[in-house]
C-alpha atoms as a PDB file:
ATOM      1  CA  MET A   1      34.016  25.421 -33.834  1.00  0.00           C
ATOM      2  CA  LYS A   2      31.771  25.319 -30.950  1.00  0.00           C
ATOM      3  CA  LYS A   3      29.499  27.990 -30.048  1.00  0.00           C
ATOM      4  CA  LEU A   4      29.522  28.904 -26.646  1.00  0.00           C
ATOM      5  CA  GLN A   5      26.588  31.188 -25.224  1.00  0.00           C
ATOM      6  CA  ILE A   6      26.415  32.853 -21.894  1.00  0.00           C
ATOM      7  CA  LEU A   7      23.014  33.615 -20.753  1.00  0.00           C
ATOM      8  CA  GLY A   8      22.744  36.700 -18.389  1.00  0.00           C
ATOM      9  CA  THR A   9      22.219  40.304 -18.325  1.00  0.00           C
ATOM     10  CA  GLY A  10      25.499  41.296 -17.572  1.00  0.00           C
ATOM     11  CA  CYS A  11      25.849  40.750 -13.811  1.00  0.00           C
ATOM     12  CA  ALA A  12      29.040  39.922 -12.243  1.00  0.00           C
ATOM     13  CA  LYS A  13      28.251  36.368 -12.106  1.00  0.00           C
ATOM     14  CA  CYS A  14      27.801  36.276 -15.736  1.00  0.00           C
ATOM     15  CA  ASN A  15      30.752  37.978 -16.700  1.00  0.00           C
ATOM     16  CA  LYS A  16      32.885  35.487 -14.376  1.00  0.00           C
ATOM     17  CA  LEU A  17      31.099  32.604 -16.285  1.00  0.00           C
ATOM     18  CA  ALA A  18      32.181  34.101 -19.561  1.00  0.00           C
ATOM     19  CA  GLU A  19      35.686  34.541 -18.275  1.00  0.00           C
ATOM     20  CA  ASN A  20      35.737  30.685 -16.923  1.00  0.00           C
ATOM     21  CA  THR A  21      34.010  29.645 -20.052  1.00  0.00           C
ATOM     22  CA  GLU A  22      37.065  31.533 -22.193  1.00  0.00           C
ATOM     23  CA  ALA A  23      39.666  30.270 -19.963  1.00  0.00           C
ATOM     24  CA  ALA A  24      38.816  26.594 -20.426  1.00  0.00           C
ATOM     25  CA  ALA A  25      38.240  26.774 -24.084  1.00  0.00           C
ATOM     26  CA  ARG A  26      41.576  28.139 -24.522  1.00  0.00           C
ATOM     27  CA  GLU A  27      42.905  25.767 -22.253  1.00  0.00           C
ATOM     28  CA  LEU A  28      41.308  22.708 -24.427  1.00  0.00           C
ATOM     29  CA  GLY A  29      42.359  24.627 -27.629  1.00  0.00           C
ATOM     30  CA  ILE A  30      39.389  24.294 -29.529  1.00  0.00           C
ATOM     31  CA  GLU A  31      38.179  26.779 -31.756  1.00  0.00           C
ATOM     32  CA  TYR A  32      35.028  28.438 -30.419  1.00  0.00           C
ATOM     33  CA  GLU A  33      32.875  31.594 -30.702  1.00  0.00           C
ATOM     34  CA  LEU A  34      31.668  33.103 -27.280  1.00  0.00           C
ATOM     35  CA  VAL A  35      28.194  35.057 -27.651  1.00  0.00           C
ATOM     36  CA  LYS A  36      26.517  36.962 -24.501  1.00  0.00           C
ATOM     37  CA  VAL A  37      22.963  36.786 -24.504  1.00  0.00           C
ATOM     38  CA  GLN A  38      21.460  39.515 -22.645  1.00  0.00           C
ATOM     39  CA  ASP A  39      17.904  39.783 -24.122  1.00  0.00           C
ATOM     40  CA  LEU A  40      15.467  38.261 -21.446  1.00  0.00           C
ATOM     41  CA  SER A  41      13.152  36.784 -24.340  1.00  0.00           C
ATOM     42  CA  GLU A  42      16.190  35.269 -25.749  1.00  0.00           C
ATOM     43  CA  ILE A  43      17.216  33.975 -22.500  1.00  0.00           C
ATOM     44  CA  MET A  44      13.515  32.610 -21.913  1.00  0.00           C
ATOM     45  CA  LYS A  45      13.820  30.546 -24.963  1.00  0.00           C
ATOM     46  CA  PHE A  46      16.397  28.431 -23.530  1.00  0.00           C
ATOM     47  CA  GLY A  47      13.992  27.789 -20.760  1.00  0.00           C
ATOM     48  CA  VAL A  48      16.389  29.252 -18.467  1.00  0.00           C
ATOM     49  CA  MET A  49      14.644  30.384 -15.244  1.00  0.00           C
ATOM     50  CA  VAL A  50      18.062  31.208 -13.319  1.00  0.00           C
ATOM     51  CA  THR A  51      21.409  33.184 -14.738  1.00  0.00           C
ATOM     52  CA  PRO A  52      24.006  32.821 -15.042  1.00  0.00           C
ATOM     53  CA  ALA A  53      23.765  29.975 -17.748  1.00  0.00           C
ATOM     54  CA  LEU A  54      25.930  28.441 -20.516  1.00  0.00           C
ATOM     55  CA  ALA A  55      24.620  26.727 -23.552  1.00  0.00           C
ATOM     56  CA  VAL A  56      26.888  25.017 -25.578  1.00  0.00           C
ATOM     57  CA  ASP A  57      25.943  24.491 -29.399  1.00  0.00           C
ATOM     58  CA  GLY A  58      22.480  25.715 -28.374  1.00  0.00           C
ATOM     59  CA  VAL A  59      21.840  23.240 -25.505  1.00  0.00           C
ATOM     60  CA  VAL A  60      22.065  24.568 -21.970  1.00  0.00           C
ATOM     61  CA  LYS A  61      24.827  22.730 -19.686  1.00  0.00           C
ATOM     62  CA  ILE A  62      25.006  25.297 -16.673  1.00  0.00           C
ATOM     63  CA  SER A  63      22.066  27.300 -15.014  1.00  0.00           C
ATOM     64  CA  GLY A  64      22.056  29.413 -12.117  1.00  0.00           C
ATOM     65  CA  LYS A  65      25.836  29.017 -10.752  1.00  0.00           C
ATOM     66  CA  VAL A  66      29.371  29.562 -11.882  1.00  0.00           C
ATOM     67  CA  GLN A  67      31.339  26.813 -12.796  1.00  0.00           C
ATOM     68  CA  LYS A  68      35.108  26.711 -12.567  1.00  0.00           C
ATOM     69  CA  PRO A  69      37.396  26.494 -15.865  1.00  0.00           C
ATOM     70  CA  GLU A  70      38.046  22.626 -15.097  1.00  0.00           C
ATOM     71  CA  GLU A  71      34.702  21.866 -14.713  1.00  0.00           C
ATOM     72  CA  ILE A  72      33.646  23.879 -17.621  1.00  0.00           C
ATOM     73  CA  LYS A  73      36.029  21.596 -19.987  1.00  0.00           C
ATOM     74  CA  LYS A  74      34.378  18.377 -19.111  1.00  0.00           C
ATOM     75  CA  LEU A  75      31.077  19.652 -20.602  1.00  0.00           C
ATOM     76  CA  ILE A  76      32.683  21.554 -23.579  1.00  0.00           C
ATOM     77  CA  GLY A  77      35.452  19.386 -24.297  1.00  0.00           C
END
């Protein structure tokens, strides 16, 4: 099971990245757990300075932008 983490404070872009990430995971048919990390000190532990960000199994794959589901599938597949 993949652990997909959305790093951000809950802004519109963060929510859109979460939505796109879920869509990508569903399209791939993978088992996943989506976790929203909104605590700034936790986000800083990932070394992320610009949100939103996506971490897959603890590794940051996207930072500072909202990717489309097609692009996210390449990162989590």
